[in-house]
C-alpha cells in the first residue's frame, strides 16, 4: 500500500530514509514530501552566547535544527578552532540536554556530551531535568534552551519547578515553497494514499486543507498517523480521525503503528 509521509528527508543520512526503509519492511511503499523549510534567526546573539559558557549552567537542544544553528555559528575556521580547543570542554563541565536520539547524534558531532537522548519529547525531557534537580543536582545558574516557538511546554515546566531558564529562538518554520505543487503531483501520479502521516503541528497547518481538497470523498478511507501526542492533538482539533500514533517518535515505532492500522 502507498503511504505518504509529510516530512523532510533526514539530514546527513546515507541510503534510504529510515521511515521509507521501515515501512518497506512491512510491504508498504512510502513517499516523502517536504512540508517545512527553516529560517534561522538570532545567530549573532547565539554566537555571543555560545562563547560565554561561564554565564550558564547548561544547554538544552530541542531539535536537530537548533544544532544546525550552532554549526552555522562555527563555520569560520578560527571560531571553530576556539570552540574545539577551549569552549566545548567548558560546556562539557555542565549539563547538555537533548530531545531525542537524532539531536543527540548531532550534538556529539559538536564535541558535546548529551543527556536525555532517550526522552523523545520536550515534555519527557523536562521531567528528566526536574528529577535530576530533585535528586540533588543543583542548577545554580541559568539554563539556555535553544528552542522553537511551539515548544512552550519545556520552559513552562522548568520554570514552574524552579529551574532558572533563558530561552533563545534560533529558527522559525515556514511552509515549503513547493508543498502544494508536490502534493498535487503525488495525488495525480499515485492516487489517494492508504495512509498519511503527519510529523508536526505545523505540518497539519500547512497541509491539511490541500490534502482534504485532493482526497475529496476518499478522505474518510485514509488512515491518518501521527508521530506523537502533540501532533495527534492538533489533528484531532482539526477534525481528523487519527488511526495511529507512534509509541515513540522513531521510524520503527511509526512504521509499526501504520502497518497495524492498515491490516
C-alpha atoms as a PDB file:
ATOM      1  CA  UNK A   1       0.000   0.000   0.000  1.00  0.00           C
ATOM      2  CA  UNK A   2       1.050   3.592  -0.546  1.00  0.00           C
ATOM      3  CA  UNK A   3       1.961   5.730   2.465  1.00  0.00           C
ATOM      4  CA  UNK A   4       2.532   9.482   2.265  1.00  0.00           C
ATOM      5  CA  UNK A   5       4.974  10.899   4.807  1.00  0.00           C
ATOM      6  CA  UNK A   6       4.673  14.653   5.245  1.00  0.00           C
ATOM      7  CA  UNK A   7       8.204  15.290   6.428  1.00  0.00           C
ATOM      8  CA  UNK A   8      11.639  16.386   5.323  1.00  0.00           C
ATOM      9  CA  UNK A   9      14.308  13.834   4.358  1.00  0.00           C
ATOM     10  CA  UNK A  10      16.640  13.019   7.236  1.00  0.00           C
ATOM     11  CA  UNK A  11      19.738  15.216   7.041  1.00  0.00           C
ATOM     12  CA  UNK A  12      23.098  13.512   6.825  1.00  0.00           C
ATOM     13  CA  UNK A  13      21.688  10.018   6.240  1.00  0.00           C
ATOM     14  CA  UNK A  14      23.183   7.704   3.647  1.00  0.00           C
ATOM     15  CA  UNK A  15      20.882   5.289   1.874  1.00  0.00           C
ATOM     16  CA  UNK A  16      17.089   5.390   2.079  1.00  0.00           C
ATOM     17  CA  UNK A  17      15.312   7.462   4.668  1.00  0.00           C
ATOM     18  CA  UNK A  18      14.706   5.255   7.745  1.00  0.00           C
ATOM     19  CA  UNK A  19      10.933   5.806   7.595  1.00  0.00           C
ATOM     20  CA  UNK A  20      10.821   4.602   3.987  1.00  0.00           C
ATOM     21  CA  UNK A  21      13.022   1.634   4.886  1.00  0.00           C
ATOM     22  CA  UNK A  22      10.936   0.590   7.885  1.00  0.00           C
ATOM     23  CA  UNK A  23       7.638   0.848   6.002  1.00  0.00           C
ATOM     24  CA  UNK A  24       9.113  -1.184   3.138  1.00  0.00           C
ATOM     25  CA  UNK A  25       9.817  -3.991   5.628  1.00  0.00           C
ATOM     26  CA  UNK A  26       6.026  -4.213   6.106  1.00  0.00           C
ATOM     27  CA  UNK A  27       5.438  -4.223   2.349  1.00  0.00           C
ATOM     28  CA  UNK A  28       4.359  -0.590   2.050  1.00  0.00           C
ATOM     29  CA  UNK A  29       5.704   1.947  -0.447  1.00  0.00           C
ATOM     30  CA  UNK A  30       6.357   5.288   1.263  1.00  0.00           C
ATOM     31  CA  UNK A  31       6.944   8.693  -0.315  1.00  0.00           C
ATOM     32  CA  UNK A  32       8.327  11.788   1.412  1.00  0.00           C
ATOM     33  CA  UNK A  33       7.044  15.268   0.668  1.00  0.00           C
ATOM     34  CA  UNK A  34       8.855  18.096   2.470  1.00  0.00           C
ATOM     35  CA  UNK A  35       6.422  20.310   4.364  1.00  0.00           C
ATOM     36  CA  UNK A  36       8.628  22.842   6.078  1.00  0.00           C
ATOM     37  CA  UNK A  37      11.640  24.944   5.429  1.00  0.00           C
ATOM     38  CA  UNK A  38      13.557  26.756   8.113  1.00  0.00           C
ATOM     39  CA  UNK A  39      14.622  30.325   8.640  1.00  0.00           C
ATOM     40  CA  UNK A  40      17.453  30.817  11.115  1.00  0.00           C
ATOM     41  CA  UNK A  41      17.282  33.858  13.383  1.00  0.00           C
ATOM     42  CA  UNK A  42      19.269  35.477  16.213  1.00  0.00           C
ATOM     43  CA  UNK A  43      22.536  33.867  15.091  1.00  0.00           C
ATOM     44  CA  UNK A  44      24.665  36.807  16.273  1.00  0.00           C
ATOM     45  CA  UNK A  45      23.126  36.546  19.725  1.00  0.00           C
ATOM     46  CA  UNK A  46      23.586  32.781  19.689  1.00  0.00           C
ATOM     47  CA  UNK A  47      27.243  33.082  18.718  1.00  0.00           C
ATOM     48  CA  UNK A  48      27.934  35.525  21.541  1.00  0.00           C
ATOM     49  CA  UNK A  49      26.139  33.243  23.987  1.00  0.00           C
ATOM     50  CA  UNK A  50      27.986  30.080  22.962  1.00  0.00           C
ATOM     51  CA  UNK A  51      31.295  31.669  23.822  1.00  0.00           C
ATOM     52  CA  UNK A  52      30.188  32.692  27.319  1.00  0.00           C
ATOM     53  CA  UNK A  53      29.679  29.266  28.939  1.00  0.00           C
ATOM     54  CA  UNK A  54      30.651  30.666  32.340  1.00  0.00           C
ATOM     55  CA  UNK A  55      27.328  32.533  32.411  1.00  0.00           C
ATOM     56  CA  UNK A  56      25.206  29.390  32.095  1.00  0.00           C
ATOM     57  CA  UNK A  57      24.568  26.152  33.930  1.00  0.00           C
ATOM     58  CA  UNK A  58      23.953  24.180  30.776  1.00  0.00           C
ATOM     59  CA  UNK A  59      22.403  23.883  27.326  1.00  0.00           C
ATOM     60  CA  UNK A  60      19.170  22.341  26.088  1.00  0.00           C
ATOM     61  CA  UNK A  61      18.883  21.408  22.392  1.00  0.00           C
ATOM     62  CA  UNK A  62      15.235  20.877  21.494  1.00  0.00           C
ATOM     63  CA  UNK A  63      15.712  19.733  17.882  1.00  0.00           C
ATOM     64  CA  UNK A  64      18.255  18.969  15.138  1.00  0.00           C
ATOM     65  CA  UNK A  65      17.660  22.458  13.727  1.00  0.00           C
ATOM     66  CA  UNK A  66      18.914  24.006  16.946  1.00  0.00           C
ATOM     67  CA  UNK A  67      22.154  22.084  16.408  1.00  0.00           C
ATOM     68  CA  UNK A  68      22.272  23.339  12.811  1.00  0.00           C
ATOM     69  CA  UNK A  69      22.073  26.904  14.131  1.00  0.00           C
ATOM     70  CA  UNK A  70      25.098  26.277  16.354  1.00  0.00           C
ATOM     71  CA  UNK A  71      27.008  24.752  13.431  1.00  0.00           C
ATOM     72  CA  UNK A  72      26.326  27.894  11.411  1.00  0.00           C
ATOM     73  CA  UNK A  73      27.909  29.947  14.177  1.00  0.00           C
ATOM     74  CA  UNK A  74      31.044  27.771  13.994  1.00  0.00           C
ATOM     75  CA  UNK A  75      31.621  27.886  10.238  1.00  0.00           C
ATOM     76  CA  UNK A  76      34.551  30.301  10.459  1.00  0.00           C
ATOM     77  CA  UNK A  77      37.785  28.287  10.831  1.00  0.00           C
ATOM     78  CA  UNK A  78      39.200  30.477  13.609  1.00  0.00           C
ATOM     79  CA  UNK A  79      35.966  30.371  15.596  1.00  0.00           C
ATOM     80  CA  UNK A  80      35.675  26.592  15.179  1.00  0.00           C
ATOM     81  CA  UNK A  81      39.236  26.136  16.394  1.00  0.00           C
ATOM     82  CA  UNK A  82      38.489  28.119  19.544  1.00  0.00           C
ATOM     83  CA  UNK A  83      35.347  26.035  20.074  1.00  0.00           C
ATOM     84  CA  UNK A  84      37.208  22.732  19.618  1.00  0.00           C
ATOM     85  CA  UNK A  85      40.217  23.677  21.752  1.00  0.00           C
ATOM     86  CA  UNK A  86      38.581  25.589  24.603  1.00  0.00           C
ATOM     87  CA  UNK A  87      34.883  26.324  24.622  1.00  0.00           C
ATOM     88  CA  UNK A  88      33.292  22.887  24.128  1.00  0.00           C
ATOM     89  CA  UNK A  89      35.202  21.488  27.098  1.00  0.00           C
ATOM     90  CA  UNK A  90      33.787  24.244  29.285  1.00  0.00           C
ATOM     91  CA  UNK A  91      30.263  23.315  28.203  1.00  0.00           C
ATOM     92  CA  UNK A  92      31.033  19.652  28.933  1.00  0.00           C
ATOM     93  CA  UNK A  93      31.637  20.505  32.591  1.00  0.00           C
ATOM     94  CA  UNK A  94      27.938  21.441  32.653  1.00  0.00           C
ATOM     95  CA  UNK A  95      24.755  19.586  31.673  1.00  0.00           C
ATOM     96  CA  UNK A  96      23.929  19.436  27.957  1.00  0.00           C
ATOM     97  CA  UNK A  97      20.418  18.073  27.357  1.00  0.00           C
ATOM     98  CA  UNK A  98      18.794  16.948  24.108  1.00  0.00           C
ATOM     99  CA  UNK A  99      15.360  15.855  22.907  1.00  0.00           C
ATOM    100  CA  UNK A 100      15.793  12.538  21.092  1.00  0.00           C
ATOM    101  CA  UNK A 101      18.460  10.354  19.522  1.00  0.00           C
ATOM    102  CA  UNK A 102      18.791  12.279  16.255  1.00  0.00           C
ATOM    103  CA  UNK A 103      19.542  15.514  18.088  1.00  0.00           C
ATOM    104  CA  UNK A 104      21.923  13.655  20.410  1.00  0.00           C
ATOM    105  CA  UNK A 105      23.967  12.315  17.486  1.00  0.00           C
ATOM    106  CA  UNK A 106      24.347  15.809  16.006  1.00  0.00           C
ATOM    107  CA  UNK A 107      25.291  17.278  19.377  1.00  0.00           C
ATOM    108  CA  UNK A 108      28.004  14.632  19.763  1.00  0.00           C
ATOM    109  CA  UNK A 109      29.436  15.814  16.435  1.00  0.00           C
ATOM    110  CA  UNK A 110      29.911  19.227  18.068  1.00  0.00           C
ATOM    111  CA  UNK A 111      32.099  17.549  20.679  1.00  0.00           C
ATOM    112  CA  UNK A 112      29.479  17.795  23.414  1.00  0.00           C
ATOM    113  CA  UNK A 113      28.276  15.025  25.741  1.00  0.00           C
ATOM    114  CA  UNK A 114      24.455  14.996  25.680  1.00  0.00           C
ATOM    115  CA  UNK A 115      21.993  13.750  28.271  1.00  0.00           C
ATOM    116  CA  UNK A 116      18.386  12.747  27.580  1.00  0.00           C
ATOM    117  CA  UNK A 117      18.687  11.152  24.164  1.00  0.00           C
ATOM    118  CA  UNK A 118      16.083   8.523  25.094  1.00  0.00           C
ATOM    119  CA  UNK A 119      13.440  11.106  26.030  1.00  0.00           C
ATOM    120  CA  UNK A 120      11.938  11.744  22.601  1.00  0.00           C
ATOM    121  CA  UNK A 121       9.756  14.723  23.578  1.00  0.00           C
ATOM    122  CA  UNK A 122      10.240  18.061  25.317  1.00  0.00           C
ATOM    123  CA  UNK A 123       7.730  17.029  27.976  1.00  0.00           C
ATOM    124  CA  UNK A 124       9.680  13.899  28.915  1.00  0.00           C
ATOM    125  CA  UNK A 125      12.984  15.796  28.882  1.00  0.00           C
ATOM    126  CA  UNK A 126      11.589  18.403  31.269  1.00  0.00           C
ATOM    127  CA  UNK A 127      10.780  15.606  33.734  1.00  0.00           C
ATOM    128  CA  UNK A 128      14.335  14.259  33.465  1.00  0.00           C
ATOM    129  CA  UNK A 129      15.825  17.683  34.219  1.00  0.00           C
ATOM    130  CA  UNK A 130      13.438  18.232  37.119  1.00  0.00           C
ATOM    131  CA  UNK A 131      14.094  14.756  38.562  1.00  0.00           C
ATOM    132  CA  UNK A 132      17.843  15.356  38.484  1.00  0.00           C
ATOM    133  CA  UNK A 133      17.243  18.550  40.417  1.00  0.00           C
ATOM    134  CA  UNK A 134      15.152  16.682  42.997  1.00  0.00           C
ATOM    135  CA  UNK A 135      17.933  14.092  43.375  1.00  0.00           C
ATOM    136  CA  UNK A 136      20.334  16.846  44.336  1.00  0.00           C
ATOM    137  CA  UNK A 137      21.746  18.071  41.024  1.00  0.00           C
ATOM    138  CA  UNK A 138      21.739  21.817  41.685  1.00  0.00           C
ATOM    139  CA  UNK A 139      21.064  24.283  38.899  1.00  0.00           C
ATOM    140  CA  UNK A 140      22.502  27.378  40.484  1.00  0.00           C
ATOM    141  CA  UNK A 141      22.962  29.206  37.204  1.00  0.00           C
ATOM    142  CA  UNK A 142      20.710  29.753  34.211  1.00  0.00           C
ATOM    143  CA  UNK A 143      19.963  27.085  31.605  1.00  0.00           C
ATOM    144  CA  UNK A 144      19.863  28.095  27.959  1.00  0.00           C
ATOM    145  CA  UNK A 145      17.418  26.149  25.765  1.00  0.00           C
ATOM    146  CA  UNK A 146      17.753  26.638  22.025  1.00  0.00           C
ATOM    147  CA  UNK A 147      14.139  26.260  21.091  1.00  0.00           C
ATOM    148  CA  UNK A 148      11.379  26.725  18.559  1.00  0.00           C
ATOM    149  CA  UNK A 149       8.300  28.841  19.274  1.00  0.00           C
ATOM    150  CA  UNK A 150       5.912  25.887  19.585  1.00  0.00           C
ATOM    151  CA  UNK A 151       7.863  24.110  22.353  1.00  0.00           C
ATOM    152  CA  UNK A 152       6.395  26.119  25.196  1.00  0.00           C
ATOM    153  CA  UNK A 153       5.871  23.119  27.470  1.00  0.00           C
ATOM    154  CA  UNK A 154       9.591  22.762  28.224  1.00  0.00           C
ATOM    155  CA  UNK A 155      10.312  26.280  29.529  1.00  0.00           C
ATOM    156  CA  UNK A 156       6.990  26.400  31.371  1.00  0.00           C
ATOM    157  CA  UNK A 157       7.625  23.103  33.169  1.00  0.00           C
ATOM    158  CA  UNK A 158      11.196  24.022  34.110  1.00  0.00           C
ATOM    159  CA  UNK A 159      10.329  27.473  35.415  1.00  0.00           C
ATOM    160  CA  UNK A 160       7.386  26.095  37.390  1.00  0.00           C
ATOM    161  CA  UNK A 161       9.805  23.739  39.124  1.00  0.00           C
ATOM    162  CA  UNK A 162      12.428  26.314  39.962  1.00  0.00           C
ATOM    163  CA  UNK A 163      14.943  25.647  37.189  1.00  0.00           C
ATOM    164  CA  UNK A 164      16.353  29.047  36.099  1.00  0.00           C
ATOM    165  CA  UNK A 165      15.976  29.491  32.383  1.00  0.00           C
ATOM    166  CA  UNK A 166      16.863  31.761  29.484  1.00  0.00           C
ATOM    167  CA  UNK A 167      15.308  30.937  26.111  1.00  0.00           C
ATOM    168  CA  UNK A 168      16.625  31.757  22.673  1.00  0.00           C
ATOM    169  CA  UNK A 169      14.648  31.064  19.493  1.00  0.00           C
ATOM    170  CA  UNK A 170      17.215  30.274  16.803  1.00  0.00           C
ATOM    171  CA  UNK A 171      14.964  29.227  13.925  1.00  0.00           C
ATOM    172  CA  UNK A 172      11.436  29.532  12.672  1.00  0.00           C
ATOM    173  CA  UNK A 173       9.411  27.221  10.444  1.00  0.00           C
ATOM    174  CA  UNK A 174       7.750  28.363   7.240  1.00  0.00           C
ATOM    175  CA  UNK A 175       5.860  26.458   4.586  1.00  0.00           C
ATOM    176  CA  UNK A 176       7.941  24.756   1.913  1.00  0.00           C
ATOM    177  CA  UNK A 177       7.516  26.790  -1.300  1.00  0.00           C
ATOM    178  CA  UNK A 178       6.750  23.692  -3.437  1.00  0.00           C
ATOM    179  CA  UNK A 179       4.413  21.979  -0.981  1.00  0.00           C
ATOM    180  CA  UNK A 180       1.101  22.354  -2.828  1.00  0.00           C
ATOM    181  CA  UNK A 181       2.659  21.562  -6.205  1.00  0.00           C
ATOM    182  CA  UNK A 182       4.325  18.422  -4.823  1.00  0.00           C
ATOM    183  CA  UNK A 183       1.091  17.249  -3.198  1.00  0.00           C
ATOM    184  CA  UNK A 184      -0.865  17.755  -6.425  1.00  0.00           C
ATOM    185  CA  UNK A 185       1.769  15.824  -8.387  1.00  0.00           C
ATOM    186  CA  UNK A 186       1.664  12.973  -5.872  1.00  0.00           C
ATOM    187  CA  UNK A 187      -2.125  12.598  -5.959  1.00  0.00           C
ATOM    188  CA  UNK A 188      -2.129  12.813  -9.763  1.00  0.00           C
ATOM    189  CA  UNK A 189       0.553  10.157 -10.184  1.00  0.00           C
ATOM    190  CA  UNK A 190      -0.077   7.850  -7.208  1.00  0.00           C
ATOM    191  CA  UNK A 191      -3.716   8.432  -6.371  1.00  0.00           C
ATOM    192  CA  UNK A 192      -5.056   8.738  -2.834  1.00  0.00           C
ATOM    193  CA  UNK A 193      -2.672   7.016  -0.391  1.00  0.00           C
ATOM    194  CA  UNK A 194      -3.810   4.364   2.053  1.00  0.00           C
ATOM    195  CA  UNK A 195      -2.166   6.266   4.904  1.00  0.00           C
ATOM    196  CA  UNK A 196      -0.840   9.768   5.535  1.00  0.00           C
ATOM    197  CA  UNK A 197       1.498  10.543   8.428  1.00  0.00           C
ATOM    198  CA  UNK A 198       1.970  13.983   9.963  1.00  0.00           C
ATOM    199  CA  UNK A 199       5.152  14.854  11.816  1.00  0.00           C
ATOM    200  CA  UNK A 200       4.364  18.212  13.427  1.00  0.00           C
ATOM    201  CA  UNK A 201       1.529  20.615  14.216  1.00  0.00           C
ATOM    202  CA  UNK A 202       2.975  22.922  11.553  1.00  0.00           C
ATOM    203  CA  UNK A 203       2.678  20.126   9.018  1.00  0.00           C
ATOM    204  CA  UNK A 204      -1.008  19.786   9.836  1.00  0.00           C
ATOM    205  CA  UNK A 205      -1.473  23.535   9.497  1.00  0.00           C
ATOM    206  CA  UNK A 206       0.236  23.773   6.124  1.00  0.00           C
ATOM    207  CA  UNK A 207      -1.011  20.526   4.525  1.00  0.00           C
ATOM    208  CA  UNK A 208      -4.467  19.675   5.755  1.00  0.00           C
ATOM    209  CA  UNK A 209      -6.577  21.898   3.507  1.00  0.00           C
ATOM    210  CA  UNK A 210      -4.729  20.739   0.389  1.00  0.00           C
ATOM    211  CA  UNK A 211      -4.931  17.074   1.419  1.00  0.00           C
ATOM    212  CA  UNK A 212      -8.677  17.391   2.063  1.00  0.00           C
ATOM    213  CA  UNK A 213      -9.246  19.041  -1.302  1.00  0.00           C
ATOM    214  CA  UNK A 214      -7.193  16.496  -3.258  1.00  0.00           C
ATOM    215  CA  UNK A 215      -8.675  13.483  -1.451  1.00  0.00           C
ATOM    216  CA  UNK A 216     -12.298  14.521  -1.903  1.00  0.00           C
ATOM    217  CA  UNK A 217     -14.717  11.762  -0.972  1.00  0.00           C
ATOM    218  CA  UNK A 218     -11.841   9.327  -0.384  1.00  0.00           C
ATOM    219  CA  UNK A 219     -10.635  11.301   2.664  1.00  0.00           C
ATOM    220  CA  UNK A 220     -12.542   9.053   5.075  1.00  0.00           C
ATOM    221  CA  UNK A 221     -10.719   5.987   3.709  1.00  0.00           C
ATOM    222  CA  UNK A 222      -7.253   7.310   4.624  1.00  0.00           C
ATOM    223  CA  UNK A 223      -5.593   6.026   7.805  1.00  0.00           C
ATOM    224  CA  UNK A 224      -4.030   9.115   9.353  1.00  0.00           C
ATOM    225  CA  UNK A 225      -0.979   8.663  11.556  1.00  0.00           C
ATOM    226  CA  UNK A 226       0.845  10.988  13.953  1.00  0.00           C
ATOM    227  CA  UNK A 227       4.459  10.962  15.089  1.00  0.00           C
ATOM    228  CA  UNK A 228       3.464  11.864  18.641  1.00  0.00           C
ATOM    229  CA  UNK A 229       0.745  13.146  21.002  1.00  0.00           C
ATOM    230  CA  UNK A 230       1.196  16.852  20.245  1.00  0.00           C
ATOM    231  CA  UNK A 231       0.693  16.294  16.530  1.00  0.00           C
ATOM    232  CA  UNK A 232      -2.196  13.943  17.279  1.00  0.00           C
ATOM    233  CA  UNK A 233      -3.908  16.642  19.362  1.00  0.00           C
ATOM    234  CA  UNK A 234      -3.589  19.141  16.524  1.00  0.00           C
ATOM    235  CA  UNK A 235      -5.020  16.666  14.020  1.00  0.00           C
ATOM    236  CA  UNK A 236      -7.947  15.847  16.295  1.00  0.00           C
ATOM    237  CA  UNK A 237      -8.640  19.543  16.864  1.00  0.00           C
ATOM    238  CA  UNK A 238      -8.870  19.943  13.084  1.00  0.00           C
ATOM    239  CA  UNK A 239     -11.499  17.200  12.887  1.00  0.00           C
ATOM    240  CA  UNK A 240      -9.312  14.353  11.610  1.00  0.00           C
ATOM    241  CA  UNK A 241      -9.776  10.818  12.871  1.00  0.00           C
ATOM    242  CA  UNK A 242      -6.295   9.673  13.932  1.00  0.00           C
ATOM    243  CA  UNK A 243      -5.898   5.962  13.257  1.00  0.00           C
ATOM    244  CA  UNK A 244      -2.485   5.511  14.858  1.00  0.00           C
ATOM    245  CA  UNK A 245       0.178   7.297  16.906  1.00  0.00           C
ATOM    246  CA  UNK A 246       3.813   6.224  17.186  1.00  0.00           C
ATOM    247  CA  UNK A 247       4.600   4.918  20.671  1.00  0.00           C
ATOM    248  CA  UNK A 248       7.935   6.738  20.354  1.00  0.00           C
ATOM    249  CA  UNK A 249       8.961   9.282  17.681  1.00  0.00           C
ATOM    250  CA  UNK A 250      11.107   6.838  15.691  1.00  0.00           C
ATOM    251  CA  UNK A 251      10.874   5.268  12.251  1.00  0.00           C
ATOM    252  CA  UNK A 252      10.454   1.822  13.777  1.00  0.00           C
ATOM    253  CA  UNK A 253       7.562   2.796  16.023  1.00  0.00           C
ATOM    254  CA  UNK A 254       5.703   4.838  13.415  1.00  0.00           C
ATOM    255  CA  UNK A 255       6.049   2.131  10.762  1.00  0.00           C
ATOM    256  CA  UNK A 256       4.724  -0.472  13.193  1.00  0.00           C
ATOM    257  CA  UNK A 257       1.749   1.731  14.080  1.00  0.00           C
ATOM    258  CA  UNK A 258       0.874   2.417  10.438  1.00  0.00           C
ATOM    259  CA  UNK A 259       1.272  -1.231   9.473  1.00  0.00           C
ATOM    260  CA  UNK A 260      -1.110  -2.253  12.266  1.00  0.00           C
ATOM    261  CA  UNK A 261      -3.659   0.378  11.219  1.00  0.00           C
ATOM    262  CA  UNK A 262      -3.549  -0.854   7.618  1.00  0.00           C
ATOM    263  CA  UNK A 263      -4.166  -4.502   8.477  1.00  0.00           C
END
